[in-house]
Amino acid sequence: MSCCIKGRPKRGKSLISFFQNYDWAYESYLRVCGVGDELGDGFVPCCAGHLDGALQINLDNVGHHAYDPSGCWYGSPQITELWHRKMMVEIMKANVDKVID
């Protein structure tokens, strides 16, 4: 079983503001999926954050790294509890289904 966890706190800024305030999210999203004005975690856009067939967990207002301005990232204790619990429930369901089969 695969599990993908994706944060969605930040939309990349348009190129109009690009030279006024360098936007790493916009540049990263543009390089990854061809669209800079996309939702993502400040580094990875939502268009590239999931794998087909995997458990998809989207976490609002969660950034990619510990220095994210939102103050919340995947490893924050309160955030880890959210995705870890969801992931463990799905793993237990998958294992029960294997035993039943």
N, C-alpha and C. Protein backbone atom coordinates (compact mmCIF):
# COMPACT_ATOMS: atom_id res chain seq x y z
N MET A 1 0.83 -1.18 0.00
CA MET A 1 0.00 0.00 0.00
C MET A 1 0.88 1.24 0.00
N SER A 2 0.51 2.21 -0.81
CA SER A 2 1.22 3.48 -0.87
C SER A 2 0.38 4.57 -0.22
N CYS A 3 1.06 5.55 0.32
CA CYS A 3 0.38 6.68 0.94
C CYS A 3 1.08 7.96 0.52
N CYS A 4 0.31 8.94 0.04
CA CYS A 4 0.85 10.24 -0.34
C CYS A 4 0.24 11.31 0.55
N ILE A 5 1.09 12.13 1.13
CA ILE A 5 0.63 13.20 2.01
C ILE A 5 1.02 14.51 1.35
N LYS A 6 0.08 15.42 1.22
CA LYS A 6 0.32 16.66 0.48
C LYS A 6 -0.24 17.83 1.24
N GLY A 7 0.56 18.86 1.42
CA GLY A 7 0.09 20.10 2.03
C GLY A 7 -0.38 21.08 0.96
N ARG A 8 -1.26 22.00 1.36
CA ARG A 8 -1.81 22.97 0.41
C ARG A 8 -1.91 24.37 1.02
N PRO A 9 -0.82 24.94 1.48
CA PRO A 9 -0.99 26.26 2.08
C PRO A 9 -0.74 27.42 1.15
N LYS A 10 -0.09 27.20 0.02
CA LYS A 10 0.40 28.34 -0.72
C LYS A 10 0.14 28.22 -2.23
N ARG A 11 -0.35 29.32 -2.79
CA ARG A 11 -0.52 29.42 -4.23
C ARG A 11 0.65 30.27 -4.75
N GLY A 12 1.27 29.83 -5.83
CA GLY A 12 2.35 30.59 -6.43
C GLY A 12 1.85 31.93 -6.95
N LYS A 13 2.70 32.95 -6.86
CA LYS A 13 2.32 34.29 -7.34
C LYS A 13 2.61 34.40 -8.82
N SER A 14 1.89 35.27 -9.48
CA SER A 14 2.06 35.45 -10.92
C SER A 14 3.39 36.12 -11.22
N LEU A 15 3.79 36.06 -12.48
CA LEU A 15 5.05 36.67 -12.90
C LEU A 15 5.04 38.18 -12.75
N ILE A 16 3.87 38.80 -12.66
CA ILE A 16 3.80 40.25 -12.48
C ILE A 16 4.55 40.65 -11.22
N SER A 17 4.44 39.85 -10.18
CA SER A 17 5.12 40.17 -8.92
C SER A 17 6.46 39.46 -8.80
N PHE A 18 6.84 38.71 -9.81
CA PHE A 18 8.03 37.88 -9.77
C PHE A 18 9.29 38.67 -9.43
N PHE A 19 9.50 39.81 -10.08
CA PHE A 19 10.72 40.57 -9.86
C PHE A 19 10.67 41.44 -8.61
N GLN A 20 9.49 41.68 -8.09
CA GLN A 20 9.35 42.46 -6.87
C GLN A 20 9.67 41.62 -5.63
N ASN A 21 9.25 40.39 -5.63
CA ASN A 21 9.45 39.51 -4.48
C ASN A 21 9.59 38.09 -5.02
N TYR A 22 10.81 37.58 -5.09
CA TYR A 22 11.05 36.26 -5.68
C TYR A 22 10.18 35.22 -4.98
N ASP A 23 9.43 34.49 -5.73
CA ASP A 23 8.50 33.51 -5.18
C ASP A 23 8.97 32.10 -5.52
N TRP A 24 9.56 31.46 -4.54
CA TRP A 24 10.08 30.11 -4.75
C TRP A 24 8.97 29.14 -5.11
N ALA A 25 7.80 29.30 -4.51
CA ALA A 25 6.69 28.39 -4.80
C ALA A 25 6.30 28.48 -6.27
N TYR A 26 6.14 29.69 -6.77
CA TYR A 26 5.76 29.87 -8.18
C TYR A 26 6.79 29.21 -9.09
N GLU A 27 8.04 29.49 -8.85
CA GLU A 27 9.11 28.95 -9.70
C GLU A 27 9.15 27.42 -9.65
N SER A 28 9.02 26.87 -8.45
CA SER A 28 9.03 25.41 -8.29
C SER A 28 7.83 24.77 -8.98
N TYR A 29 6.65 25.33 -8.76
CA TYR A 29 5.44 24.78 -9.37
C TYR A 29 5.52 24.84 -10.89
N LEU A 30 6.04 25.96 -11.41
CA LEU A 30 6.17 26.14 -12.85
C LEU A 30 7.08 25.08 -13.44
N ARG A 31 8.18 24.80 -12.78
CA ARG A 31 9.13 23.80 -13.27
C ARG A 31 8.57 22.38 -13.20
N VAL A 32 7.80 22.10 -12.18
CA VAL A 32 7.29 20.74 -11.98
C VAL A 32 6.08 20.43 -12.86
N CYS A 33 5.10 21.34 -12.89
CA CYS A 33 3.87 21.00 -13.63
C CYS A 33 3.51 21.99 -14.72
N GLY A 34 4.39 22.99 -14.95
CA GLY A 34 4.13 23.92 -16.04
C GLY A 34 3.19 25.06 -15.69
N VAL A 35 2.71 25.09 -14.46
CA VAL A 35 1.81 26.15 -14.00
C VAL A 35 2.33 26.67 -12.67
N GLY A 36 2.64 27.96 -12.60
CA GLY A 36 3.15 28.52 -11.37
C GLY A 36 2.05 28.91 -10.39
N ASP A 37 0.91 29.32 -10.93
CA ASP A 37 -0.21 29.76 -10.10
C ASP A 37 -1.04 28.55 -9.71
N GLU A 38 -0.49 27.73 -8.85
CA GLU A 38 -1.04 26.42 -8.49
C GLU A 38 -1.01 26.31 -6.97
N LEU A 39 -1.85 25.47 -6.41
CA LEU A 39 -1.78 25.18 -4.98
C LEU A 39 -0.69 24.15 -4.72
N GLY A 40 -0.07 24.26 -3.57
CA GLY A 40 0.95 23.30 -3.19
C GLY A 40 1.43 23.57 -1.79
N ASP A 41 2.52 22.93 -1.43
CA ASP A 41 3.04 23.07 -0.07
C ASP A 41 4.17 24.09 0.03
N GLY A 42 4.33 24.90 -0.99
CA GLY A 42 5.40 25.89 -1.02
C GLY A 42 6.62 25.39 -1.77
N PHE A 43 6.65 24.10 -2.10
CA PHE A 43 7.75 23.52 -2.85
C PHE A 43 7.25 22.55 -3.91
N VAL A 44 6.33 21.67 -3.54
CA VAL A 44 5.77 20.68 -4.47
C VAL A 44 4.32 21.06 -4.76
N PRO A 45 3.96 21.23 -6.05
CA PRO A 45 2.57 21.57 -6.39
C PRO A 45 1.65 20.36 -6.22
N CYS A 46 0.38 20.64 -5.99
CA CYS A 46 -0.60 19.55 -5.83
C CYS A 46 -0.64 18.62 -7.04
N CYS A 47 -0.40 19.18 -8.24
CA CYS A 47 -0.45 18.35 -9.45
C CYS A 47 0.59 17.23 -9.43
N ALA A 48 1.63 17.36 -8.62
CA ALA A 48 2.69 16.36 -8.58
C ALA A 48 2.80 15.67 -7.22
N GLY A 49 1.87 15.93 -6.34
CA GLY A 49 2.00 15.44 -4.98
C GLY A 49 1.37 14.10 -4.69
N HIS A 50 0.76 13.47 -5.67
CA HIS A 50 0.09 12.20 -5.41
C HIS A 50 0.45 11.14 -6.44
N LEU A 51 0.35 9.89 -6.02
CA LEU A 51 0.58 8.76 -6.90
C LEU A 51 -0.75 8.07 -7.17
N ASP A 52 -0.95 7.65 -8.41
CA ASP A 52 -2.17 6.91 -8.75
C ASP A 52 -2.27 5.65 -7.91
N GLY A 53 -3.44 5.40 -7.37
CA GLY A 53 -3.69 4.19 -6.60
C GLY A 53 -3.26 4.26 -5.14
N ALA A 54 -2.64 5.35 -4.73
CA ALA A 54 -2.19 5.48 -3.34
C ALA A 54 -3.26 6.18 -2.51
N LEU A 55 -3.20 5.97 -1.21
CA LEU A 55 -4.04 6.72 -0.29
C LEU A 55 -3.64 8.19 -0.41
N GLN A 56 -4.60 9.06 -0.66
CA GLN A 56 -4.33 10.48 -0.84
C GLN A 56 -4.74 11.25 0.42
N ILE A 57 -3.79 11.88 1.07
CA ILE A 57 -4.08 12.68 2.25
C ILE A 57 -3.66 14.11 1.96
N ASN A 58 -4.62 15.02 1.93
CA ASN A 58 -4.35 16.44 1.72
C ASN A 58 -4.51 17.17 3.04
N LEU A 59 -3.52 17.96 3.38
CA LEU A 59 -3.53 18.70 4.64
C LEU A 59 -3.51 20.19 4.35
N ASP A 60 -4.58 20.87 4.68
CA ASP A 60 -4.65 22.31 4.44
C ASP A 60 -3.71 23.05 5.38
N ASN A 61 -3.11 24.11 4.86
CA ASN A 61 -2.22 24.99 5.62
C ASN A 61 -1.01 24.29 6.22
N VAL A 62 -0.47 23.32 5.48
CA VAL A 62 0.72 22.60 5.90
C VAL A 62 1.80 22.81 4.85
N GLY A 63 2.97 23.26 5.29
CA GLY A 63 4.07 23.54 4.37
C GLY A 63 5.02 22.38 4.22
N HIS A 64 5.94 22.53 3.28
CA HIS A 64 6.87 21.46 2.92
C HIS A 64 7.98 21.26 3.95
N HIS A 65 8.41 22.30 4.61
CA HIS A 65 9.57 22.19 5.49
C HIS A 65 9.33 22.93 6.82
N ALA A 66 10.22 22.66 7.76
CA ALA A 66 10.08 23.20 9.12
C ALA A 66 10.17 24.72 9.18
N TYR A 67 10.73 25.35 8.16
CA TYR A 67 10.87 26.81 8.17
C TYR A 67 9.76 27.51 7.41
N ASP A 68 8.69 26.78 7.10
CA ASP A 68 7.57 27.37 6.37
C ASP A 68 6.94 28.49 7.19
N PRO A 69 6.63 29.61 6.54
CA PRO A 69 6.02 30.75 7.27
C PRO A 69 4.71 30.40 7.98
N SER A 70 4.01 29.37 7.51
CA SER A 70 2.75 28.98 8.15
C SER A 70 2.97 28.43 9.55
N GLY A 71 4.20 27.98 9.83
CA GLY A 71 4.50 27.41 11.13
C GLY A 71 4.15 25.94 11.25
N CYS A 72 3.45 25.41 10.26
CA CYS A 72 3.09 24.00 10.26
C CYS A 72 3.74 23.30 9.08
N TRP A 73 4.34 22.16 9.33
CA TRP A 73 4.90 21.35 8.25
C TRP A 73 4.60 19.89 8.54
N TYR A 74 4.93 19.00 7.63
CA TYR A 74 4.58 17.59 7.77
C TYR A 74 5.08 16.97 9.06
N GLY A 75 6.20 17.46 9.59
CA GLY A 75 6.77 16.90 10.81
C GLY A 75 6.36 17.57 12.10
N SER A 76 5.50 18.60 12.03
CA SER A 76 5.01 19.23 13.27
C SER A 76 4.21 18.19 14.05
N PRO A 77 4.40 18.12 15.37
CA PRO A 77 3.72 17.09 16.15
C PRO A 77 2.21 17.02 15.91
N GLN A 78 1.52 18.16 15.88
CA GLN A 78 0.07 18.14 15.68
C GLN A 78 -0.30 17.70 14.26
N ILE A 79 0.58 17.95 13.30
CA ILE A 79 0.32 17.56 11.91
C ILE A 79 0.65 16.09 11.71
N THR A 80 1.75 15.63 12.29
CA THR A 80 2.13 14.22 12.19
C THR A 80 1.01 13.34 12.71
N GLU A 81 0.39 13.75 13.80
CA GLU A 81 -0.71 12.98 14.38
C GLU A 81 -1.86 12.84 13.38
N LEU A 82 -2.13 13.88 12.61
CA LEU A 82 -3.23 13.84 11.63
C LEU A 82 -2.98 12.82 10.53
N TRP A 83 -1.82 12.93 9.87
CA TRP A 83 -1.60 12.02 8.74
C TRP A 83 -1.21 10.63 9.19
N HIS A 84 -0.52 10.50 10.30
CA HIS A 84 -0.12 9.18 10.76
C HIS A 84 -1.34 8.34 11.13
N ARG A 85 -2.30 8.95 11.81
CA ARG A 85 -3.52 8.23 12.19
C ARG A 85 -4.28 7.75 10.94
N LYS A 86 -4.45 8.64 9.97
CA LYS A 86 -5.15 8.27 8.73
C LYS A 86 -4.42 7.14 8.01
N MET A 87 -3.11 7.25 7.93
CA MET A 87 -2.32 6.24 7.25
C MET A 87 -2.43 4.89 7.95
N MET A 88 -2.34 4.87 9.27
CA MET A 88 -2.41 3.62 10.02
C MET A 88 -3.77 2.95 9.88
N VAL A 89 -4.85 3.73 9.86
CA VAL A 89 -6.18 3.17 9.67
C VAL A 89 -6.25 2.47 8.32
N GLU A 90 -5.74 3.10 7.27
CA GLU A 90 -5.77 2.50 5.94
C GLU A 90 -4.90 1.25 5.85
N ILE A 91 -3.76 1.26 6.52
CA ILE A 91 -2.89 0.08 6.52
C ILE A 91 -3.58 -1.07 7.23
N MET A 92 -4.24 -0.79 8.35
CA MET A 92 -4.95 -1.85 9.07
C MET A 92 -6.08 -2.41 8.22
N LYS A 93 -6.81 -1.54 7.50
CA LYS A 93 -7.88 -2.01 6.61
C LYS A 93 -7.31 -2.91 5.53
N ALA A 94 -6.20 -2.51 4.94
CA ALA A 94 -5.58 -3.30 3.87
C ALA A 94 -5.13 -4.66 4.39
N ASN A 95 -4.57 -4.69 5.59
CA ASN A 95 -4.11 -5.95 6.16
C ASN A 95 -5.27 -6.87 6.51
N VAL A 96 -6.37 -6.31 6.99
CA VAL A 96 -7.57 -7.11 7.29
C VAL A 96 -8.11 -7.71 5.99
N ASP A 97 -8.15 -6.93 4.93
CA ASP A 97 -8.63 -7.44 3.65
C ASP A 97 -7.76 -8.59 3.15
N LYS A 98 -6.45 -8.54 3.36
CA LYS A 98 -5.57 -9.62 2.94
C LYS A 98 -5.84 -10.89 3.73
N VAL A 99 -6.08 -10.75 5.04
CA VAL A 99 -6.35 -11.90 5.90
C VAL A 99 -7.68 -12.53 5.50
N ILE A 100 -8.69 -11.72 5.19
CA ILE A 100 -10.00 -12.22 4.82
C ILE A 100 -9.94 -12.95 3.48
N ASP A 101 -9.15 -12.42 2.54
CA ASP A 101 -9.03 -13.06 1.21
C ASP A 101 -8.37 -14.39 1.38
